[in-house]
Amino acid sequence: MAVSNGKTITEASQDAGYSKGESGRVTASKTLKLPHVQQRLFQEIQSMIGLSATKSLKQVINLSNNAKSEYVKLEASKDLLDRAGHKPIDRTQTQVVGDFNIKIDLS
């Protein structure tokens, strides 16, 4: 699918063999809204993301090990741990002690 490869609707419509100009772009635009076309486009995008994931993971590991900045190393390491399921638990605790009174004097 040309659109999933980053082409415009106009470029994709010409690749698909629709008429040139505005009518081809409109036809392609309507076609892209069809549920089965949307599903196929989503699958194509998911596949592309999956193929890029390995390269991205290698880059984050490389940053974690070899970045010049300690901050970058730390953030890359935390990201790797988060994705491996070792994200720290977000805890917030609110404690109210004693009575709480509000007095509003409008005079």
PDB file of N, CA and C in Angstrom:
ATOM      1  N   MET A   1       0.844  -1.177   0.000  1.00  0.00           N
ATOM      2  CA  MET A   1       0.000   0.000   0.000  1.00  0.00           C
ATOM      3  C   MET A   1       0.886   1.235   0.000  1.00  0.00           C
ATOM      4  N   ALA A   2       0.683   2.057  -0.962  1.00  0.00           N
ATOM      5  CA  ALA A   2       1.523   3.240  -1.127  1.00  0.00           C
ATOM      6  C   ALA A   2       1.357   4.238   0.008  1.00  0.00           C
ATOM      7  N   VAL A   3       0.137   4.368   0.538  1.00  0.00           N
ATOM      8  CA  VAL A   3      -0.091   5.331   1.621  1.00  0.00           C
ATOM      9  C   VAL A   3       0.677   4.907   2.863  1.00  0.00           C
ATOM     10  N   SER A   4       0.722   3.619   3.149  1.00  0.00           N
ATOM     11  CA  SER A   4       1.448   3.156   4.333  1.00  0.00           C
ATOM     12  C   SER A   4       2.951   3.342   4.174  1.00  0.00           C
ATOM     13  N   ASN A   5       3.413   3.549   2.946  1.00  0.00           N
ATOM     14  CA  ASN A   5       4.835   3.796   2.708  1.00  0.00           C
ATOM     15  C   ASN A   5       5.165   5.275   2.724  1.00  0.00           C
ATOM     16  N   GLY A   6       4.206   6.104   3.119  1.00  0.00           N
ATOM     17  CA  GLY A   6       4.462   7.525   3.278  1.00  0.00           C
ATOM     18  C   GLY A   6       4.093   8.385   2.084  1.00  0.00           C
ATOM     19  N   LYS A   7       3.456   7.806   1.094  1.00  0.00           N
ATOM     20  CA  LYS A   7       3.048   8.603  -0.063  1.00  0.00           C
ATOM     21  C   LYS A   7       1.763   9.352   0.252  1.00  0.00           C
ATOM     22  N   THR A   8       1.540  10.429  -0.487  1.00  0.00           N
ATOM     23  CA  THR A   8       0.297  11.180  -0.333  1.00  0.00           C
ATOM     24  C   THR A   8      -0.843  10.409  -0.993  1.00  0.00           C
ATOM     25  N   ILE A   9      -2.064  10.802  -0.695  1.00  0.00           N
ATOM     26  CA  ILE A   9      -3.226  10.156  -1.311  1.00  0.00           C
ATOM     27  C   ILE A   9      -3.180  10.336  -2.825  1.00  0.00           C
ATOM     28  N   THR A  10      -2.757  11.496  -3.279  1.00  0.00           N
ATOM     29  CA  THR A  10      -2.670  11.752  -4.721  1.00  0.00           C
ATOM     30  C   THR A  10      -1.666  10.804  -5.370  1.00  0.00           C
ATOM     31  N   GLU A  11      -0.486  10.659  -4.760  1.00  0.00           N
ATOM     32  CA  GLU A  11       0.528   9.748  -5.300  1.00  0.00           C
ATOM     33  C   GLU A  11       0.034   8.306  -5.270  1.00  0.00           C
ATOM     34  N   ALA A  12      -0.605   7.913  -4.163  1.00  0.00           N
ATOM     35  CA  ALA A  12      -1.111   6.553  -4.036  1.00  0.00           C
ATOM     36  C   ALA A  12      -2.217   6.277  -5.051  1.00  0.00           C
ATOM     37  N   SER A  13      -3.063   7.281  -5.325  1.00  0.00           N
ATOM     38  CA  SER A  13      -4.149   7.079  -6.284  1.00  0.00           C
ATOM     39  C   SER A  13      -3.592   6.849  -7.685  1.00  0.00           C
ATOM     40  N   GLN A  14      -2.530   7.535  -8.030  1.00  0.00           N
ATOM     41  CA  GLN A  14      -1.906   7.333  -9.341  1.00  0.00           C
ATOM     42  C   GLN A  14      -1.235   5.966  -9.418  1.00  0.00           C
ATOM     43  N   ASP A  15      -0.582   5.531  -8.320  1.00  0.00           N
ATOM     44  CA  ASP A  15       0.031   4.197  -8.277  1.00  0.00           C
ATOM     45  C   ASP A  15      -1.022   3.103  -8.426  1.00  0.00           C
ATOM     46  N   ALA A  16      -2.212   3.355  -7.860  1.00  0.00           N
ATOM     47  CA  ALA A  16      -3.289   2.365  -7.917  1.00  0.00           C
ATOM     48  C   ALA A  16      -4.015   2.368  -9.254  1.00  0.00           C
ATOM     49  N   GLY A  17      -3.710   3.334 -10.103  1.00  0.00           N
ATOM     50  CA  GLY A  17      -4.316   3.366 -11.423  1.00  0.00           C
ATOM     51  C   GLY A  17      -5.594   4.178 -11.518  1.00  0.00           C
ATOM     52  N   TYR A  18      -5.912   4.950 -10.475  1.00  0.00           N
ATOM     53  CA  TYR A  18      -7.077   5.825 -10.548  1.00  0.00           C
ATOM     54  C   TYR A  18      -6.780   6.974 -11.503  1.00  0.00           C
ATOM     55  N   SER A  19      -7.830   7.666 -11.952  1.00  0.00           N
ATOM     56  CA  SER A  19      -7.613   8.781 -12.862  1.00  0.00           C
ATOM     57  C   SER A  19      -6.768   9.850 -12.203  1.00  0.00           C
ATOM     58  N   LYS A  20      -6.059  10.566 -13.044  1.00  0.00           N
ATOM     59  CA  LYS A  20      -5.191  11.630 -12.529  1.00  0.00           C
ATOM     60  C   LYS A  20      -6.040  12.817 -12.104  1.00  0.00           C
ATOM     61  N   GLY A  21      -5.472  13.605 -11.229  1.00  0.00           N
ATOM     62  CA  GLY A  21      -6.154  14.823 -10.799  1.00  0.00           C
ATOM     63  C   GLY A  21      -7.037  14.607  -9.593  1.00  0.00           C
ATOM     64  N   GLU A  22      -7.958  15.546  -9.424  1.00  0.00           N
ATOM     65  CA  GLU A  22      -8.815  15.593  -8.243  1.00  0.00           C
ATOM     66  C   GLU A  22      -9.731  14.386  -8.134  1.00  0.00           C
ATOM     67  N   SER A  23     -10.280  13.915  -9.238  1.00  0.00           N
ATOM     68  CA  SER A  23     -11.225  12.784  -9.166  1.00  0.00           C
ATOM     69  C   SER A  23     -10.535  11.516  -8.670  1.00  0.00           C
ATOM     70  N   GLY A  24      -9.303  11.283  -9.098  1.00  0.00           N
ATOM     71  CA  GLY A  24      -8.552  10.127  -8.610  1.00  0.00           C
ATOM     72  C   GLY A  24      -8.241  10.228  -7.136  1.00  0.00           C
ATOM     73  N   ARG A  25      -7.901  11.430  -6.698  1.00  0.00           N
ATOM     74  CA  ARG A  25      -7.603  11.649  -5.281  1.00  0.00           C
ATOM     75  C   ARG A  25      -8.835  11.432  -4.431  1.00  0.00           C
ATOM     76  N   VAL A  26      -9.998  11.907  -4.911  1.00  0.00           N
ATOM     77  CA  VAL A  26     -11.252  11.749  -4.172  1.00  0.00           C
ATOM     78  C   VAL A  26     -11.626  10.272  -4.084  1.00  0.00           C
ATOM     79  N   THR A  27     -11.497   9.542  -5.194  1.00  0.00           N
ATOM     80  CA  THR A  27     -11.806   8.109  -5.198  1.00  0.00           C
ATOM     81  C   THR A  27     -10.900   7.364  -4.221  1.00  0.00           C
ATOM     82  N   ALA A  28      -9.604   7.676  -4.246  1.00  0.00           N
ATOM     83  CA  ALA A  28      -8.656   7.031  -3.329  1.00  0.00           C
ATOM     84  C   ALA A  28      -8.985   7.371  -1.883  1.00  0.00           C
ATOM     85  N   SER A  29      -9.367   8.622  -1.638  1.00  0.00           N
ATOM     86  CA  SER A  29      -9.710   9.048  -0.288  1.00  0.00           C
ATOM     87  C   SER A  29     -10.922   8.279   0.239  1.00  0.00           C
ATOM     88  N   LYS A  30     -11.929   8.104  -0.616  1.00  0.00           N
ATOM     89  CA  LYS A  30     -13.123   7.340  -0.214  1.00  0.00           C
ATOM     90  C   LYS A  30     -12.762   5.871   0.023  1.00  0.00           C
ATOM     91  N   THR A  31     -11.908   5.338  -0.826  1.00  0.00           N
ATOM     92  CA  THR A  31     -11.493   3.940  -0.689  1.00  0.00           C
ATOM     93  C   THR A  31     -10.765   3.720   0.633  1.00  0.00           C
ATOM     94  N   LEU A  32      -9.939   4.680   1.021  1.00  0.00           N
ATOM     95  CA  LEU A  32      -9.189   4.551   2.278  1.00  0.00           C
ATOM     96  C   LEU A  32     -10.095   4.523   3.501  1.00  0.00           C
ATOM     97  N   LYS A  33     -11.319   4.982   3.381  1.00  0.00           N
ATOM     98  CA  LYS A  33     -12.252   5.009   4.511  1.00  0.00           C
ATOM     99  C   LYS A  33     -13.039   3.705   4.653  1.00  0.00           C
ATOM    100  N   LEU A  34     -12.924   2.803   3.677  1.00  0.00           N
ATOM    101  CA  LEU A  34     -13.644   1.528   3.754  1.00  0.00           C
ATOM    102  C   LEU A  34     -13.050   0.668   4.868  1.00  0.00           C
ATOM    103  N   PRO A  35     -13.908  -0.018   5.654  1.00  0.00           N
ATOM    104  CA  PRO A  35     -13.398  -0.785   6.799  1.00  0.00           C
ATOM    105  C   PRO A  35     -12.323  -1.815   6.438  1.00  0.00           C
ATOM    106  N   HIS A  36     -12.507  -2.563   5.356  1.00  0.00           N
ATOM    107  CA  HIS A  36     -11.510  -3.581   5.026  1.00  0.00           C
ATOM    108  C   HIS A  36     -10.188  -2.950   4.571  1.00  0.00           C
ATOM    109  N   VAL A  37     -10.251  -1.776   3.973  1.00  0.00           N
ATOM    110  CA  VAL A  37      -9.028  -1.065   3.580  1.00  0.00           C
ATOM    111  C   VAL A  37      -8.338  -0.514   4.830  1.00  0.00           C
ATOM    112  N   GLN A  38      -9.127   0.026   5.761  1.00  0.00           N
ATOM    113  CA  GLN A  38      -8.574   0.516   7.028  1.00  0.00           C
ATOM    114  C   GLN A  38      -7.871  -0.617   7.779  1.00  0.00           C
ATOM    115  N   GLN A  39      -8.497  -1.795   7.786  1.00  0.00           N
ATOM    116  CA  GLN A  39      -7.911  -2.945   8.483  1.00  0.00           C
ATOM    117  C   GLN A  39      -6.588  -3.348   7.831  1.00  0.00           C
ATOM    118  N   ARG A  40      -6.562  -3.380   6.519  1.00  0.00           N
ATOM    119  CA  ARG A  40      -5.334  -3.748   5.801  1.00  0.00           C
ATOM    120  C   ARG A  40      -4.242  -2.705   6.031  1.00  0.00           C
ATOM    121  N   LEU A  41      -4.596  -1.442   6.027  1.00  0.00           N
ATOM    122  CA  LEU A  41      -3.640  -0.366   6.286  1.00  0.00           C
ATOM    123  C   LEU A  41      -3.064  -0.491   7.694  1.00  0.00           C
ATOM    124  N   PHE A  42      -3.930  -0.798   8.667  1.00  0.00           N
ATOM    125  CA  PHE A  42      -3.485  -0.985  10.044  1.00  0.00           C
ATOM    126  C   PHE A  42      -2.504  -2.155  10.132  1.00  0.00           C
ATOM    127  N   GLN A  43      -2.819  -3.267   9.449  1.00  0.00           N
ATOM    128  CA  GLN A  43      -1.923  -4.432   9.452  1.00  0.00           C
ATOM    129  C   GLN A  43      -0.569  -4.097   8.841  1.00  0.00           C
ATOM    130  N   GLU A  44      -0.593  -3.338   7.773  1.00  0.00           N
ATOM    131  CA  GLU A  44       0.642  -2.935   7.093  1.00  0.00           C
ATOM    132  C   GLU A  44       1.502  -2.066   8.005  1.00  0.00           C
ATOM    133  N   ILE A  45       0.869  -1.138   8.695  1.00  0.00           N
ATOM    134  CA  ILE A  45       1.597  -0.255   9.610  1.00  0.00           C
ATOM    135  C   ILE A  45       2.162  -1.055  10.780  1.00  0.00           C
ATOM    136  N   GLN A  46       1.379  -1.977  11.333  1.00  0.00           N
ATOM    137  CA  GLN A  46       1.853  -2.818  12.433  1.00  0.00           C
ATOM    138  C   GLN A  46       3.062  -3.639  11.997  1.00  0.00           C
ATOM    139  N   SER A  47       3.029  -4.144  10.788  1.00  0.00           N
ATOM    140  CA  SER A  47       4.146  -4.917  10.260  1.00  0.00           C
ATOM    141  C   SER A  47       5.403  -4.062  10.157  1.00  0.00           C
ATOM    142  N   MET A  48       5.238  -2.845   9.662  1.00  0.00           N
ATOM    143  CA  MET A  48       6.383  -1.936   9.534  1.00  0.00           C
ATOM    144  C   MET A  48       6.961  -1.590  10.906  1.00  0.00           C
ATOM    145  N   ILE A  49       6.092  -1.381  11.882  1.00  0.00           N
ATOM    146  CA  ILE A  49       6.559  -1.080  13.238  1.00  0.00           C
ATOM    147  C   ILE A  49       7.315  -2.277  13.796  1.00  0.00           C
ATOM    148  N   GLY A  50       6.767  -3.471  13.569  1.00  0.00           N
ATOM    149  CA  GLY A  50       7.430  -4.689  14.046  1.00  0.00           C
ATOM    150  C   GLY A  50       8.815  -4.858  13.457  1.00  0.00           C
ATOM    151  N   LEU A  51       8.955  -4.551  12.178  1.00  0.00           N
ATOM    152  CA  LEU A  51      10.256  -4.674  11.528  1.00  0.00           C
ATOM    153  C   LEU A  51      11.246  -3.645  12.067  1.00  0.00           C
ATOM    154  N   SER A  52      10.761  -2.491  12.462  1.00  0.00           N
ATOM    155  CA  SER A  52      11.631  -1.436  12.989  1.00  0.00           C
ATOM    156  C   SER A  52      11.965  -1.648  14.461  1.00  0.00           C
ATOM    157  N   ALA A  53      11.192  -2.467  15.144  1.00  0.00           N
ATOM    158  CA  ALA A  53      11.372  -2.629  16.588  1.00  0.00           C
ATOM    159  C   ALA A  53      12.742  -3.189  16.937  1.00  0.00           C
ATOM    160  N   THR A  54      13.239  -4.136  16.167  1.00  0.00           N
ATOM    161  CA  THR A  54      14.540  -4.729  16.460  1.00  0.00           C
ATOM    162  C   THR A  54      15.646  -3.692  16.351  1.00  0.00           C
ATOM    163  N   LYS A  55      15.595  -2.901  15.302  1.00  0.00           N
ATOM    164  CA  LYS A  55      16.592  -1.850  15.118  1.00  0.00           C
ATOM    165  C   LYS A  55      16.512  -0.832  16.253  1.00  0.00           C
ATOM    166  N   SER A  56      15.306  -0.477  16.640  1.00  0.00           N
ATOM    167  CA  SER A  56      15.123   0.495  17.721  1.00  0.00           C
ATOM    168  C   SER A  56      15.629  -0.057  19.048  1.00  0.00           C
ATOM    169  N   LEU A  57      15.346  -1.329  19.306  1.00  0.00           N
ATOM    170  CA  LEU A  57      15.817  -1.947  20.540  1.00  0.00           C
ATOM    171  C   LEU A  57      17.344  -1.952  20.591  1.00  0.00           C
ATOM    172  N   LYS A  58      17.975  -2.297  19.475  1.00  0.00           N
ATOM    173  CA  LYS A  58      19.447  -2.277  19.433  1.00  0.00           C
ATOM    174  C   LYS A  58      19.981  -0.884  19.729  1.00  0.00           C
ATOM    175  N   GLN A  59      19.306   0.145  19.214  1.00  0.00           N
ATOM    176  CA  GLN A  59      19.739   1.517  19.444  1.00  0.00           C
ATOM    177  C   GLN A  59      19.625   1.892  20.921  1.00  0.00           C
ATOM    178  N   VAL A  60      18.524   1.499  21.565  1.00  0.00           N
ATOM    179  CA  VAL A  60      18.348   1.820  22.984  1.00  0.00           C
ATOM    180  C   VAL A  60      19.391   1.080  23.824  1.00  0.00           C
ATOM    181  N   ILE A  61      19.663  -0.178  23.474  1.00  0.00           N
ATOM    182  CA  ILE A  61      20.704  -0.932  24.192  1.00  0.00           C
ATOM    183  C   ILE A  61      22.058  -0.262  24.003  1.00  0.00           C
ATOM    184  N   ASN A  62      22.346   0.170  22.780  1.00  0.00           N
ATOM    185  CA  ASN A  62      23.602   0.862  22.499  1.00  0.00           C
ATOM    186  C   ASN A  62      23.712   2.148  23.319  1.00  0.00           C
ATOM    187  N   LEU A  63      22.620   2.921  23.388  1.00  0.00           N
ATOM    188  CA  LEU A  63      22.634   4.141  24.197  1.00  0.00           C
ATOM    189  C   LEU A  63      22.857   3.825  25.674  1.00  0.00           C
ATOM    190  N   SER A  64      22.215   2.770  26.137  1.00  0.00           N
ATOM    191  CA  SER A  64      22.356   2.379  27.540  1.00  0.00           C
ATOM    192  C   SER A  64      23.804   2.026  27.875  1.00  0.00           C
ATOM    193  N   ASN A  65      24.492   1.417  26.934  1.00  0.00           N
ATOM    194  CA  ASN A  65      25.871   0.979  27.174  1.00  0.00           C
ATOM    195  C   ASN A  65      26.929   2.014  26.814  1.00  0.00           C
ATOM    196  N   ASN A  66      26.681   2.819  25.775  1.00  0.00           N
ATOM    197  CA  ASN A  66      27.768   3.601  25.201  1.00  0.00           C
ATOM    198  C   ASN A  66      27.547   5.108  25.103  1.00  0.00           C
ATOM    199  N   ALA A  67      26.429   5.608  25.544  1.00  0.00           N
ATOM    200  CA  ALA A  67      26.184   7.048  25.432  1.00  0.00           C
ATOM    201  C   ALA A  67      27.216   7.824  26.245  1.00  0.00           C
ATOM    202  N   LYS A  68      27.582   8.993  25.755  1.00  0.00           N
ATOM    203  CA  LYS A  68      28.547   9.836  26.466  1.00  0.00           C
ATOM    204  C   LYS A  68      27.905  10.462  27.703  1.00  0.00           C
ATOM    205  N   SER A  69      26.624  10.759  27.613  1.00  0.00           N
ATOM    206  CA  SER A  69      25.913  11.395  28.716  1.00  0.00           C
ATOM    207  C   SER A  69      25.403  10.349  29.702  1.00  0.00           C
ATOM    208  N   GLU A  70      25.692  10.560  30.967  1.00  0.00           N
ATOM    209  CA  GLU A  70      25.191   9.659  32.004  1.00  0.00           C
ATOM    210  C   GLU A  70      23.661   9.695  32.061  1.00  0.00           C
ATOM    211  N   TYR A  71      23.098  10.875  31.814  1.00  0.00           N
ATOM    212  CA  TYR A  71      21.641  11.014  31.815  1.00  0.00           C
ATOM    213  C   TYR A  71      21.011  10.155  30.715  1.00  0.00           C
ATOM    214  N   VAL A  72      21.598  10.185  29.519  1.00  0.00           N
ATOM    215  CA  VAL A  72      21.081   9.384  28.403  1.00  0.00           C
ATOM    216  C   VAL A  72      21.199   7.897  28.740  1.00  0.00           C
ATOM    217  N   LYS A  73      22.328   7.488  29.316  1.00  0.00           N
ATOM    218  CA  LYS A  73      22.504   6.090  29.721  1.00  0.00           C
ATOM    219  C   LYS A  73      21.423   5.679  30.717  1.00  0.00           C
ATOM    220  N   LEU A  74      21.176   6.532  31.706  1.00  0.00           N
ATOM    221  CA  LEU A  74      20.172   6.243  32.722  1.00  0.00           C
ATOM    222  C   LEU A  74      18.787   6.107  32.107  1.00  0.00           C
ATOM    223  N   GLU A  75      18.399   7.069  31.264  1.00  0.00           N
ATOM    224  CA  GLU A  75      17.068   7.036  30.659  1.00  0.00           C
ATOM    225  C   GLU A  75      16.892   5.823  29.750  1.00  0.00           C
ATOM    226  N   ALA A  76      17.917   5.477  28.984  1.00  0.00           N
ATOM    227  CA  ALA A  76      17.841   4.304  28.115  1.00  0.00           C
ATOM    228  C   ALA A  76      17.725   3.034  28.958  1.00  0.00           C
ATOM    229  N   SER A  77      18.478   2.967  30.039  1.00  0.00           N
ATOM    230  CA  SER A  77      18.415   1.804  30.925  1.00  0.00           C
ATOM    231  C   SER A  77      17.044   1.675  31.580  1.00  0.00           C
ATOM    232  N   LYS A  78      16.493   2.803  32.042  1.00  0.00           N
ATOM    233  CA  LYS A  78      15.154   2.777  32.644  1.00  0.00           C
ATOM    234  C   LYS A  78      14.117   2.334  31.621  1.00  0.00           C
ATOM    235  N   ASP A  79      14.245   2.806  30.391  1.00  0.00           N
ATOM    236  CA  ASP A  79      13.303   2.425  29.341  1.00  0.00           C
ATOM    237  C   ASP A  79      13.376   0.924  29.068  1.00  0.00           C
ATOM    238  N   LEU A  80      14.570   0.375  29.024  1.00  0.00           N
ATOM    239  CA  LEU A  80      14.719  -1.071  28.820  1.00  0.00           C
ATOM    240  C   LEU A  80      14.074  -1.860  29.958  1.00  0.00           C
ATOM    241  N   LEU A  81      14.310  -1.412  31.187  1.00  0.00           N
ATOM    242  CA  LEU A  81      13.707  -2.095  32.338  1.00  0.00           C
ATOM    243  C   LEU A  81      12.179  -1.993  32.310  1.00  0.00           C
ATOM    244  N   ASP A  82      11.666  -0.803  31.980  1.00  0.00           N
ATOM    245  CA  ASP A  82      10.211  -0.620  31.896  1.00  0.00           C
ATOM    246  C   ASP A  82       9.602  -1.599  30.900  1.00  0.00           C
ATOM    247  N   ARG A  83      10.211  -1.704  29.729  1.00  0.00           N
ATOM    248  CA  ARG A  83       9.668  -2.567  28.671  1.00  0.00           C
ATOM    249  C   ARG A  83       9.817  -4.044  28.990  1.00  0.00           C
ATOM    250  N   ALA A  84      10.760  -4.370  29.871  1.00  0.00           N
ATOM    251  CA  ALA A  84      10.932  -5.763  30.284  1.00  0.00           C
ATOM    252  C   ALA A  84      10.007  -6.118  31.440  1.00  0.00           C
ATOM    253  N   GLY A  85       9.175  -5.160  31.878  1.00  0.00           N
ATOM    254  CA  GLY A  85       8.217  -5.435  32.943  1.00  0.00           C
ATOM    255  C   GLY A  85       8.697  -5.078  34.331  1.00  0.00           C
ATOM    256  N   HIS A  86       9.764  -4.319  34.428  1.00  0.00           N
ATOM    257  CA  HIS A  86      10.324  -3.957  35.730  1.00  0.00           C
ATOM    258  C   HIS A  86      10.150  -2.473  36.023  1.00  0.00           C
ATOM    259  N   LYS A  87       9.001  -1.952  35.642  1.00  0.00           N
ATOM    260  CA  LYS A  87       8.716  -0.537  35.897  1.00  0.00           C
ATOM    261  C   LYS A  87       8.388  -0.361  37.372  1.00  0.00           C
ATOM    262  N   PRO A  88       8.940   0.679  37.996  1.00  0.00           N
ATOM    263  CA  PRO A  88       8.616   0.897  39.411  1.00  0.00           C
ATOM    264  C   PRO A  88       7.132   1.205  39.583  1.00  0.00           C
ATOM    265  N   ILE A  89       6.612   0.806  40.702  1.00  0.00           N
ATOM    266  CA  ILE A  89       5.200   1.031  41.005  1.00  0.00           C
ATOM    267  C   ILE A  89       4.994   2.511  41.301  1.00  0.00           C
ATOM    268  N   ASP A  90       3.987   3.083  40.635  1.00  0.00           N
ATOM    269  CA  ASP A  90       3.645   4.478  40.906  1.00  0.00           C
ATOM    270  C   ASP A  90       2.806   4.503  42.173  1.00  0.00           C
ATOM    271  N   ARG A  91       3.316   5.150  43.196  1.00  0.00           N
ATOM    272  CA  ARG A  91       2.588   5.204  44.460  1.00  0.00           C
ATOM    273  C   ARG A  91       2.357   6.653  44.852  1.00  0.00           C
ATOM    274  N   THR A  92       1.143   6.921  45.199  1.00  0.00           N
ATOM    275  CA  THR A  92       0.832   8.213  45.790  1.00  0.00           C
ATOM    276  C   THR A  92       0.046   7.940  47.056  1.00  0.00           C
ATOM    277  N   GLN A  93       0.338   8.682  48.066  1.00  0.00           N
ATOM    278  CA  GLN A  93      -0.345   8.488  49.337  1.00  0.00           C
ATOM    279  C   GLN A  93      -0.788   9.845  49.851  1.00  0.00           C
ATOM    280  N   THR A  94      -2.049   9.928  50.192  1.00  0.00           N
ATOM    281  CA  THR A  94      -2.594  11.153  50.753  1.00  0.00           C
ATOM    282  C   THR A  94      -3.106  10.838  52.151  1.00  0.00           C
ATOM    283  N   GLN A  95      -2.703  11.637  53.082  1.00  0.00           N
ATOM    284  CA  GLN A  95      -3.124  11.399  54.455  1.00  0.00           C
ATOM    285  C   GLN A  95      -3.637  12.712  55.031  1.00  0.00           C
ATOM    286  N   VAL A  96      -4.826  12.663  55.583  1.00  0.00           N
ATOM    287  CA  VAL A  96      -5.415  13.827  56.223  1.00  0.00           C
ATOM    288  C   VAL A  96      -5.539  13.509  57.708  1.00  0.00           C
ATOM    289  N   VAL A  97      -4.963  14.373  58.526  1.00  0.00           N
ATOM    290  CA  VAL A  97      -4.996  14.165  59.965  1.00  0.00           C
ATOM    291  C   VAL A  97      -5.743  15.330  60.599  1.00  0.00           C
ATOM    292  N   GLY A  98      -6.665  15.032  61.496  1.00  0.00           N
ATOM    293  CA  GLY A  98      -7.381  16.080  62.210  1.00  0.00           C
ATOM    294  C   GLY A  98      -8.643  16.522  61.498  1.00  0.00           C
ATOM    295  N   ASP A  99      -9.298  17.512  62.115  1.00  0.00           N
ATOM    296  CA  ASP A  99     -10.526  18.056  61.551  1.00  0.00           C
ATOM    297  C   ASP A  99     -10.192  19.097  60.495  1.00  0.00           C
ATOM    298  N   PHE A 100     -11.107  19.246  59.599  1.00  0.00           N
ATOM    299  CA  PHE A 100     -10.926  20.190  58.504  1.00  0.00           C
ATOM    300  C   PHE A 100     -12.152  21.074  58.461  1.00  0.00           C
ATOM    301  N   ASN A 101     -11.998  22.389  58.711  1.00  0.00           N
ATOM    302  CA  ASN A 101     -13.119  23.328  58.725  1.00  0.00           C
ATOM    303  C   ASN A 101     -12.836  24.481  57.783  1.00  0.00           C
ATOM    304  N   ILE A 102     -13.862  24.875  57.056  1.00  0.00           N
ATOM    305  CA  ILE A 102     -13.763  26.049  56.205  1.00  0.00           C
ATOM    306  C   ILE A 102     -14.885  26.993  56.603  1.00  0.00           C
ATOM    307  N   LYS A 103     -14.544  28.260  56.830  1.00  0.00           N
ATOM    308  CA  LYS A 103     -15.548  29.252  57.178  1.00  0.00           C
ATOM    309  C   LYS A 103     -15.444  30.381  56.155  1.00  0.00           C
ATOM    310  N   ILE A 104     -16.554  30.646  55.504  1.00  0.00           N
ATOM    311  CA  ILE A 104     -16.599  31.727  54.522  1.00  0.00           C
ATOM    312  C   ILE A 104     -17.528  32.804  55.043  1.00  0.00           C
ATOM    313  N   ASP A 105     -16.978  33.997  55.220  1.00  0.00           N
ATOM    314  CA  ASP A 105     -17.761  35.123  55.728  1.00  0.00           C
ATOM    315  C   ASP A 105     -17.966  36.086  54.573  1.00  0.00           C
ATOM    316  N   LEU A 106     -19.190  36.209  54.063  1.00  0.00           N
ATOM    317  CA  LEU A 106     -19.497  37.062  52.938  1.00  0.00           C
ATOM    318  C   LEU A 106     -19.961  38.455  53.346  1.00  0.00           C
ATOM    319  N   SER A 107     -19.923  38.803  54.598  1.00  0.00           N
ATOM    320  CA  SER A 107     -20.389  40.130  55.019  1.00  0.00           C
ATOM    321  C   SER A 107     -19.328  41.181  54.883  1.00  0.00           C
TER     322      SER A 107
END
